[in-house]
Amino acid sequence: MRAFSVYFKNFLTRSFKNPLAYLLHFGLPIAGFSLMFLLVSAGESPAFAGTQAIGLVIFFMMIQAVIVLSLTLRDREEGVLGRLKVSPAPDLAYALGNGAAALVVLAVQSSILAVFISFIFPVKIGISFGALLGSLAVYDVCCLGFGFLICSLSESSSGALMGANIVAMVSSLLGGAFFPVDFMSQNLRRFSFLFPQHWLMRALSQLKAGPQNAGASEAALSLLVLGLMGLFFLALRALVVRTRRA
């Protein structure tokens, strides 16, 4: 437990060692949402514009998860992992501490965004604050799994960031984060189900039906699929790590 606490605090400290990290993780999502909303709302309804603006933010969130977790690759590059192997602290404590710290960063980011949308820059997207925050929280878990997986497949922190940008761009494009999947051809729609962004955007659309309608239960199912994707990414990451050590 003590090792977990040490790694958790150390990871958070290193994540925000540069003051620009606060702007990157907490300012950029709000700026991106505001700009996207203003652009789309010029020709569409506020509800549609608000939902698509969230789509742009979740694209950034996926990349930012990798940015945070890429610190684990820097540890390997700087020889920290080598010292870890000869220390009494287990590797599991290192992974859990870093993962928990990364999840805290993503959770705070989602909370700030939900507060901004619901209260500071109120956008009538038809989704309550609690439902929006809960949906983003599930997506955070998925982003955490994605970040761990990308980092486990990469040889360097720069390689992880490059791979994350490519995967996040393609999956956001095909998953309906940038524009609704209804605008795609029938063939492309079949692929959209493979991406986490699709299930979050689908859940947000279903939640617009209101908690008294069937949309709420359908949204819960979409979020369940999203959460399972996150667990699948984590399980796949564990498999990759075990294979490399074998």
C-alpha atoms as a PDB file:
ATOM      1  CA  MET A   1       0.000   0.000   0.000  1.00  0.00           C
ATOM      2  CA  ARG A   2       2.850   2.372   0.792  1.00  0.00           C
ATOM      3  CA  ALA A   3       4.482   1.677  -2.580  1.00  0.00           C
ATOM      4  CA  PHE A   4       1.186   2.383  -4.330  1.00  0.00           C
ATOM      5  CA  SER A   5       0.873   5.719  -2.532  1.00  0.00           C
ATOM      6  CA  VAL A   6       4.441   6.703  -3.417  1.00  0.00           C
ATOM      7  CA  TYR A   7       3.972   5.923  -7.101  1.00  0.00           C
ATOM      8  CA  PHE A   8       0.565   7.639  -7.147  1.00  0.00           C
ATOM      9  CA  LYS A   9       1.914  10.897  -5.689  1.00  0.00           C
ATOM     10  CA  ASN A  10       5.078  10.794  -7.779  1.00  0.00           C
ATOM     11  CA  PHE A  11       3.125  10.260 -10.985  1.00  0.00           C
ATOM     12  CA  LEU A  12       0.794  13.196 -10.297  1.00  0.00           C
ATOM     13  CA  THR A  13       3.730  15.426  -9.415  1.00  0.00           C
ATOM     14  CA  ARG A  14       5.554  14.571 -12.618  1.00  0.00           C
ATOM     15  CA  SER A  15       2.393  14.962 -14.712  1.00  0.00           C
ATOM     16  CA  PHE A  16       2.050  18.600 -13.649  1.00  0.00           C
ATOM     17  CA  LYS A  17       5.705  19.475 -13.299  1.00  0.00           C
ATOM     18  CA  ASN A  18       5.261  21.758 -16.307  1.00  0.00           C
ATOM     19  CA  PRO A  19       2.576  24.431 -15.649  1.00  0.00           C
ATOM     20  CA  LEU A  20       1.439  24.079 -19.255  1.00  0.00           C
ATOM     21  CA  ALA A  21       0.041  20.664 -18.302  1.00  0.00           C
ATOM     22  CA  TYR A  22      -2.833  22.391 -16.475  1.00  0.00           C
ATOM     23  CA  LEU A  23      -3.733  24.236 -19.655  1.00  0.00           C
ATOM     24  CA  LEU A  24      -3.401  21.089 -21.749  1.00  0.00           C
ATOM     25  CA  HIS A  25      -5.566  18.867 -19.565  1.00  0.00           C
ATOM     26  CA  PHE A  26      -8.116  21.321 -18.198  1.00  0.00           C
ATOM     27  CA  GLY A  27      -8.124  24.359 -20.475  1.00  0.00           C
ATOM     28  CA  LEU A  28      -7.922  22.747 -23.912  1.00  0.00           C
ATOM     29  CA  PRO A  29     -11.116  20.646 -23.566  1.00  0.00           C
ATOM     30  CA  ILE A  30     -13.154  23.701 -22.586  1.00  0.00           C
ATOM     31  CA  ALA A  31     -11.667  25.819 -25.370  1.00  0.00           C
ATOM     32  CA  GLY A  32     -12.237  23.050 -27.912  1.00  0.00           C
ATOM     33  CA  PHE A  33     -15.821  22.542 -26.813  1.00  0.00           C
ATOM     34  CA  SER A  34     -16.630  26.262 -26.909  1.00  0.00           C
ATOM     35  CA  LEU A  35     -15.119  26.784 -30.359  1.00  0.00           C
ATOM     36  CA  MET A  36     -16.770  23.703 -31.853  1.00  0.00           C
ATOM     37  CA  PHE A  37     -20.134  24.622 -30.343  1.00  0.00           C
ATOM     38  CA  LEU A  38     -20.041  28.156 -31.703  1.00  0.00           C
ATOM     39  CA  LEU A  39     -19.112  26.928 -35.175  1.00  0.00           C
ATOM     40  CA  VAL A  40     -21.748  24.183 -35.390  1.00  0.00           C
ATOM     41  CA  SER A  41     -24.531  26.160 -33.678  1.00  0.00           C
ATOM     42  CA  ALA A  42     -24.384  28.722 -36.507  1.00  0.00           C
ATOM     43  CA  GLY A  43     -26.236  26.245 -38.709  1.00  0.00           C
ATOM     44  CA  GLU A  44     -27.645  23.622 -36.337  1.00  0.00           C
ATOM     45  CA  SER A  45     -29.672  23.418 -33.135  1.00  0.00           C
ATOM     46  CA  PRO A  46     -27.913  23.954 -29.773  1.00  0.00           C
ATOM     47  CA  ALA A  47     -28.596  20.331 -28.791  1.00  0.00           C
ATOM     48  CA  PHE A  48     -26.922  18.986 -31.928  1.00  0.00           C
ATOM     49  CA  ALA A  49     -24.050  21.474 -31.695  1.00  0.00           C
ATOM     50  CA  GLY A  50     -23.457  20.650 -28.029  1.00  0.00           C
ATOM     51  CA  THR A  51     -23.320  16.909 -28.635  1.00  0.00           C
ATOM     52  CA  GLN A  52     -20.897  17.224 -31.560  1.00  0.00           C
ATOM     53  CA  ALA A  53     -18.746  19.646 -29.576  1.00  0.00           C
ATOM     54  CA  ILE A  54     -18.407  16.930 -26.931  1.00  0.00           C
ATOM     55  CA  GLY A  55     -17.298  14.628 -29.739  1.00  0.00           C
ATOM     56  CA  LEU A  56     -14.309  16.876 -30.411  1.00  0.00           C
ATOM     57  CA  VAL A  57     -13.420  16.895 -26.716  1.00  0.00           C
ATOM     58  CA  ILE A  58     -13.446  13.107 -26.397  1.00  0.00           C
ATOM     59  CA  PHE A  59     -10.970  12.990 -29.275  1.00  0.00           C
ATOM     60  CA  PHE A  60      -8.604  15.133 -27.192  1.00  0.00           C
ATOM     61  CA  MET A  61      -9.301  13.064 -24.069  1.00  0.00           C
ATOM     62  CA  MET A  62      -8.149   9.847 -25.720  1.00  0.00           C
ATOM     63  CA  ILE A  63      -4.860  11.437 -26.752  1.00  0.00           C
ATOM     64  CA  GLN A  64      -4.382  13.075 -23.355  1.00  0.00           C
ATOM     65  CA  ALA A  65      -4.725   9.703 -21.638  1.00  0.00           C
ATOM     66  CA  VAL A  66      -1.723   8.517 -23.632  1.00  0.00           C
ATOM     67  CA  ILE A  67       0.164  11.754 -22.899  1.00  0.00           C
ATOM     68  CA  VAL A  68      -0.214  11.120 -19.171  1.00  0.00           C
ATOM     69  CA  LEU A  69       0.588   7.405 -19.302  1.00  0.00           C
ATOM     70  CA  SER A  70       3.556   7.948 -21.613  1.00  0.00           C
ATOM     71  CA  LEU A  71       5.411   8.910 -18.438  1.00  0.00           C
ATOM     72  CA  THR A  72       5.716   5.165 -17.807  1.00  0.00           C
ATOM     73  CA  LEU A  73       7.668   4.880 -21.056  1.00  0.00           C
ATOM     74  CA  ARG A  74       9.895   7.769 -20.004  1.00  0.00           C
ATOM     75  CA  ASP A  75      10.581   5.846 -16.797  1.00  0.00           C
ATOM     76  CA  ARG A  76      11.804   2.962 -18.929  1.00  0.00           C
ATOM     77  CA  GLU A  77      13.875   5.283 -21.127  1.00  0.00           C
ATOM     78  CA  GLU A  78      15.455   6.925 -18.071  1.00  0.00           C
ATOM     79  CA  GLY A  79      16.183   3.628 -16.323  1.00  0.00           C
ATOM     80  CA  VAL A  80      13.553   3.955 -13.595  1.00  0.00           C
ATOM     81  CA  LEU A  81      12.039   0.569 -14.412  1.00  0.00           C
ATOM     82  CA  GLY A  82      15.456  -1.036 -14.153  1.00  0.00           C
ATOM     83  CA  ARG A  83      15.787   0.224 -10.591  1.00  0.00           C
ATOM     84  CA  LEU A  84      12.232  -0.892  -9.886  1.00  0.00           C
ATOM     85  CA  LYS A  85      13.069  -4.505 -10.689  1.00  0.00           C
ATOM     86  CA  VAL A  86      15.715  -4.628  -7.975  1.00  0.00           C
ATOM     87  CA  SER A  87      13.565  -2.852  -5.385  1.00  0.00           C
ATOM     88  CA  PRO A  88      11.168  -4.569  -2.989  1.00  0.00           C
ATOM     89  CA  ALA A  89       8.167  -2.700  -4.492  1.00  0.00           C
ATOM     90  CA  PRO A  90       6.261  -4.979  -6.884  1.00  0.00           C
ATOM     91  CA  ASP A  91       5.569  -4.053 -10.502  1.00  0.00           C
ATOM     92  CA  LEU A  92       1.842  -4.259  -9.768  1.00  0.00           C
ATOM     93  CA  ALA A  93       2.063  -1.384  -7.289  1.00  0.00           C
ATOM     94  CA  TYR A  94       3.837   0.681  -9.932  1.00  0.00           C
ATOM     95  CA  ALA A  95       1.145  -0.007 -12.549  1.00  0.00           C
ATOM     96  CA  LEU A  96      -1.737   0.557 -10.136  1.00  0.00           C
ATOM     97  CA  GLY A  97      -0.258   3.776  -8.768  1.00  0.00           C
ATOM     98  CA  ASN A  98       0.326   5.213 -12.220  1.00  0.00           C
ATOM     99  CA  GLY A  99      -3.069   4.053 -13.470  1.00  0.00           C
ATOM    100  CA  ALA A 100      -4.911   5.535 -10.498  1.00  0.00           C
ATOM    101  CA  ALA A 101      -3.112   8.857 -10.913  1.00  0.00           C
ATOM    102  CA  ALA A 102      -3.930   8.961 -14.636  1.00  0.00           C
ATOM    103  CA  LEU A 103      -7.565   8.159 -13.887  1.00  0.00           C
ATOM    104  CA  VAL A 104      -7.714  11.027 -11.382  1.00  0.00           C
ATOM    105  CA  VAL A 105      -6.437  13.431 -14.045  1.00  0.00           C
ATOM    106  CA  LEU A 106      -9.069  12.220 -16.519  1.00  0.00           C
ATOM    107  CA  ALA A 107     -11.824  12.355 -13.891  1.00  0.00           C
ATOM    108  CA  VAL A 108     -11.007  15.929 -12.919  1.00  0.00           C
ATOM    109  CA  GLN A 109     -10.923  16.865 -16.586  1.00  0.00           C
ATOM    110  CA  SER A 110     -14.364  15.313 -17.154  1.00  0.00           C
ATOM    111  CA  SER A 111     -15.797  16.965 -14.030  1.00  0.00           C
ATOM    112  CA  ILE A 112     -14.592  20.410 -15.087  1.00  0.00           C
ATOM    113  CA  LEU A 113     -16.037  19.908 -18.561  1.00  0.00           C
ATOM    114  CA  ALA A 114     -19.405  18.702 -17.219  1.00  0.00           C
ATOM    115  CA  VAL A 115     -19.627  21.666 -14.827  1.00  0.00           C
ATOM    116  CA  PHE A 116     -18.718  24.061 -17.625  1.00  0.00           C
ATOM    117  CA  ILE A 117     -21.350  22.668 -20.004  1.00  0.00           C
ATOM    118  CA  SER A 118     -24.118  22.397 -17.402  1.00  0.00           C
ATOM    119  CA  PHE A 119     -23.635  25.543 -15.328  1.00  0.00           C
ATOM    120  CA  ILE A 120     -21.018  28.010 -16.574  1.00  0.00           C
ATOM    121  CA  PHE A 121     -21.722  27.897 -20.301  1.00  0.00           C
ATOM    122  CA  PRO A 122     -25.150  26.263 -20.193  1.00  0.00           C
ATOM    123  CA  VAL A 123     -25.915  24.382 -23.365  1.00  0.00           C
ATOM    124  CA  LYS A 124     -29.325  22.801 -23.706  1.00  0.00           C
ATOM    125  CA  ILE A 125     -28.247  19.419 -24.976  1.00  0.00           C
ATOM    126  CA  GLY A 126     -31.019  17.607 -23.134  1.00  0.00           C
ATOM    127  CA  ILE A 127     -28.735  15.698 -20.782  1.00  0.00           C
ATOM    128  CA  SER A 128     -28.558  16.245 -17.027  1.00  0.00           C
ATOM    129  CA  PHE A 129     -25.305  17.051 -15.267  1.00  0.00           C
ATOM    130  CA  GLY A 130     -25.232  13.674 -13.497  1.00  0.00           C
ATOM    131  CA  ALA A 131     -25.874  11.703 -16.678  1.00  0.00           C
ATOM    132  CA  LEU A 132     -23.227  13.629 -18.593  1.00  0.00           C
ATOM    133  CA  LEU A 133     -20.650  13.225 -15.833  1.00  0.00           C
ATOM    134  CA  GLY A 134     -21.395   9.507 -15.472  1.00  0.00           C
ATOM    135  CA  SER A 135     -21.053   8.945 -19.225  1.00  0.00           C
ATOM    136  CA  LEU A 136     -17.730  10.760 -19.335  1.00  0.00           C
ATOM    137  CA  ALA A 137     -16.525   8.770 -16.311  1.00  0.00           C
ATOM    138  CA  VAL A 138     -17.107   5.486 -18.139  1.00  0.00           C
ATOM    139  CA  TYR A 139     -15.270   6.893 -21.150  1.00  0.00           C
ATOM    140  CA  ASP A 140     -12.381   7.827 -18.837  1.00  0.00           C
ATOM    141  CA  VAL A 141     -11.973   4.167 -17.910  1.00  0.00           C
ATOM    142  CA  CYS A 142     -11.962   3.254 -21.588  1.00  0.00           C
ATOM    143  CA  CYS A 143      -9.343   5.940 -22.320  1.00  0.00           C
ATOM    144  CA  LEU A 144      -7.216   4.602 -19.458  1.00  0.00           C
ATOM    145  CA  GLY A 145      -7.283   1.129 -20.968  1.00  0.00           C
ATOM    146  CA  PHE A 146      -6.505   2.537 -24.402  1.00  0.00           C
ATOM    147  CA  GLY A 147      -3.595   4.541 -23.024  1.00  0.00           C
ATOM    148  CA  PHE A 148      -2.093   1.538 -21.242  1.00  0.00           C
ATOM    149  CA  LEU A 149      -2.461  -0.581 -24.381  1.00  0.00           C
ATOM    150  CA  ILE A 150      -0.837   1.968 -26.698  1.00  0.00           C
ATOM    151  CA  CYS A 151       2.055   2.447 -24.281  1.00  0.00           C
ATOM    152  CA  SER A 152       2.587  -1.296 -23.929  1.00  0.00           C
ATOM    153  CA  LEU A 153       2.821  -1.616 -27.721  1.00  0.00           C
ATOM    154  CA  SER A 154       5.227   1.317 -28.111  1.00  0.00           C
ATOM    155  CA  GLU A 155       8.977   1.361 -27.729  1.00  0.00           C
ATOM    156  CA  SER A 156       9.195   5.047 -26.766  1.00  0.00           C
ATOM    157  CA  SER A 157       7.044   7.875 -25.436  1.00  0.00           C
ATOM    158  CA  SER A 158       7.238   9.699 -28.766  1.00  0.00           C
ATOM    159  CA  GLY A 159       6.137   6.552 -30.583  1.00  0.00           C
ATOM    160  CA  ALA A 160       3.178   6.174 -28.221  1.00  0.00           C
ATOM    161  CA  LEU A 161       2.040   9.741 -28.853  1.00  0.00           C
ATOM    162  CA  MET A 162       2.365   9.324 -32.607  1.00  0.00           C
ATOM    163  CA  GLY A 163       0.388   6.087 -32.539  1.00  0.00           C
ATOM    164  CA  ALA A 164      -2.248   7.601 -30.260  1.00  0.00           C
ATOM    165  CA  ASN A 165      -2.794  10.529 -32.607  1.00  0.00           C
ATOM    166  CA  ILE A 166      -3.318   8.229 -35.583  1.00  0.00           C
ATOM    167  CA  VAL A 167      -5.601   5.773 -33.790  1.00  0.00           C
ATOM    168  CA  ALA A 168      -7.616   8.513 -32.044  1.00  0.00           C
ATOM    169  CA  MET A 169      -8.108  10.410 -35.300  1.00  0.00           C
ATOM    170  CA  VAL A 170      -9.273   7.389 -37.283  1.00  0.00           C
ATOM    171  CA  SER A 171     -11.471   5.965 -34.505  1.00  0.00           C
ATOM    172  CA  SER A 172     -13.046   9.371 -33.802  1.00  0.00           C
ATOM    173  CA  LEU A 173     -13.740   9.878 -37.487  1.00  0.00           C
ATOM    174  CA  LEU A 174     -15.324   6.450 -37.970  1.00  0.00           C
ATOM    175  CA  GLY A 175     -16.895   6.370 -34.509  1.00  0.00           C
ATOM    176  CA  GLY A 176     -19.036   9.455 -35.031  1.00  0.00           C
ATOM    177  CA  ALA A 177     -17.202  11.889 -32.778  1.00  0.00           C
ATOM    178  CA  PHE A 178     -16.690  14.474 -35.510  1.00  0.00           C
ATOM    179  CA  PHE A 179     -20.027  13.989 -37.266  1.00  0.00           C
ATOM    180  CA  PRO A 180     -22.992  11.615 -36.752  1.00  0.00           C
ATOM    181  CA  VAL A 181     -22.638   8.095 -38.100  1.00  0.00           C
ATOM    182  CA  ASP A 182     -25.928   8.658 -39.940  1.00  0.00           C
ATOM    183  CA  PHE A 183     -23.940  10.798 -42.371  1.00  0.00           C
ATOM    184  CA  MET A 184     -21.753   7.808 -43.293  1.00  0.00           C
ATOM    185  CA  SER A 185     -22.327   5.155 -45.896  1.00  0.00           C
ATOM    186  CA  GLN A 186     -23.841   1.856 -44.838  1.00  0.00           C
ATOM    187  CA  ASN A 187     -20.491   0.082 -45.132  1.00  0.00           C
ATOM    188  CA  LEU A 188     -18.706   2.552 -42.849  1.00  0.00           C
ATOM    189  CA  ARG A 189     -21.488   2.358 -40.265  1.00  0.00           C
ATOM    190  CA  ARG A 190     -20.688  -1.314 -39.747  1.00  0.00           C
ATOM    191  CA  PHE A 191     -17.179  -0.397 -38.624  1.00  0.00           C
ATOM    192  CA  SER A 192     -18.341   2.364 -36.254  1.00  0.00           C
ATOM    193  CA  PHE A 193     -19.438  -0.218 -33.675  1.00  0.00           C
ATOM    194  CA  LEU A 194     -15.794  -1.178 -33.154  1.00  0.00           C
ATOM    195  CA  PHE A 195     -14.793   2.158 -31.636  1.00  0.00           C
ATOM    196  CA  PRO A 196     -15.372   3.558 -28.126  1.00  0.00           C
ATOM    197  CA  GLN A 197     -16.376   6.983 -29.457  1.00  0.00           C
ATOM    198  CA  HIS A 198     -19.372   5.420 -31.181  1.00  0.00           C
ATOM    199  CA  TRP A 199     -20.754   4.027 -27.940  1.00  0.00           C
ATOM    200  CA  LEU A 200     -20.290   7.246 -25.985  1.00  0.00           C
ATOM    201  CA  MET A 201     -21.907   9.371 -28.698  1.00  0.00           C
ATOM    202  CA  ARG A 202     -24.691   6.810 -28.952  1.00  0.00           C
ATOM    203  CA  ALA A 203     -25.252   6.909 -25.207  1.00  0.00           C
ATOM    204  CA  LEU A 204     -25.433  10.713 -25.220  1.00  0.00           C
ATOM    205  CA  SER A 205     -27.994  10.629 -28.029  1.00  0.00           C
ATOM    206  CA  GLN A 206     -30.052   8.035 -26.159  1.00  0.00           C
ATOM    207  CA  LEU A 207     -29.932  10.066 -22.950  1.00  0.00           C
ATOM    208  CA  LYS A 208     -31.606  12.969 -24.744  1.00  0.00           C
ATOM    209  CA  ALA A 209     -34.785  10.917 -24.642  1.00  0.00           C
ATOM    210  CA  GLY A 210     -34.924  11.618 -20.896  1.00  0.00           C
ATOM    211  CA  PRO A 211     -34.750   9.413 -17.797  1.00  0.00           C
ATOM    212  CA  GLN A 212     -38.455   8.581 -18.010  1.00  0.00           C
ATOM    213  CA  ASN A 213     -38.179   6.917 -21.414  1.00  0.00           C
ATOM    214  CA  ALA A 214     -36.565   3.817 -22.825  1.00  0.00           C
ATOM    215  CA  GLY A 215     -33.567   5.940 -23.855  1.00  0.00           C
ATOM    216  CA  ALA A 216     -32.113   5.747 -20.359  1.00  0.00           C
ATOM    217  CA  SER A 217     -31.945   1.945 -20.335  1.00  0.00           C
ATOM    218  CA  GLU A 218     -30.574   1.910 -23.874  1.00  0.00           C
ATOM    219  CA  ALA A 219     -27.907   4.422 -22.845  1.00  0.00           C
ATOM    220  CA  ALA A 220     -26.967   2.213 -19.895  1.00  0.00           C
ATOM    221  CA  LEU A 221     -26.412  -0.674 -22.314  1.00  0.00           C
ATOM    222  CA  SER A 222     -24.234   1.506 -24.541  1.00  0.00           C
ATOM    223  CA  LEU A 223     -22.185   2.602 -21.534  1.00  0.00           C
ATOM    224  CA  LEU A 224     -21.837  -1.017 -20.450  1.00  0.00           C
ATOM    225  CA  VAL A 225     -20.344  -1.867 -23.842  1.00  0.00           C
ATOM    226  CA  LEU A 226     -18.030   1.144 -23.494  1.00  0.00           C
ATOM    227  CA  GLY A 227     -16.889   0.019 -20.052  1.00  0.00           C
ATOM    228  CA  LEU A 228     -16.281  -3.519 -21.295  1.00  0.00           C
ATOM    229  CA  MET A 229     -14.132  -2.090 -24.072  1.00  0.00           C
ATOM    230  CA  GLY A 230     -12.007  -0.390 -21.442  1.00  0.00           C
ATOM    231  CA  LEU A 231     -11.597  -3.666 -19.554  1.00  0.00           C
ATOM    232  CA  PHE A 232     -10.750  -5.424 -22.811  1.00  0.00           C
ATOM    233  CA  PHE A 233      -7.987  -2.889 -23.497  1.00  0.00           C
ATOM    234  CA  LEU A 234      -6.587  -3.444 -19.997  1.00  0.00           C
ATOM    235  CA  ALA A 235      -6.703  -7.229 -20.402  1.00  0.00           C
ATOM    236  CA  LEU A 236      -5.012  -6.967 -23.797  1.00  0.00           C
ATOM    237  CA  ARG A 237      -2.334  -4.738 -22.275  1.00  0.00           C
ATOM    238  CA  ALA A 238      -1.689  -7.336 -19.573  1.00  0.00           C
ATOM    239  CA  LEU A 239      -1.368 -10.011 -22.264  1.00  0.00           C
ATOM    240  CA  VAL A 240       1.118  -7.892 -24.232  1.00  0.00           C
ATOM    241  CA  VAL A 241       3.241  -7.278 -21.121  1.00  0.00           C
ATOM    242  CA  ARG A 242       3.222 -10.953 -20.183  1.00  0.00           C
ATOM    243  CA  THR A 243       4.159 -11.982 -23.728  1.00  0.00           C
ATOM    244  CA  ARG A 244       7.103  -9.569 -23.774  1.00  0.00           C
ATOM    245  CA  ARG A 245       8.399 -10.878 -20.465  1.00  0.00           C
ATOM    246  CA  ALA A 246       8.126 -14.515 -21.558  1.00  0.00           C
END
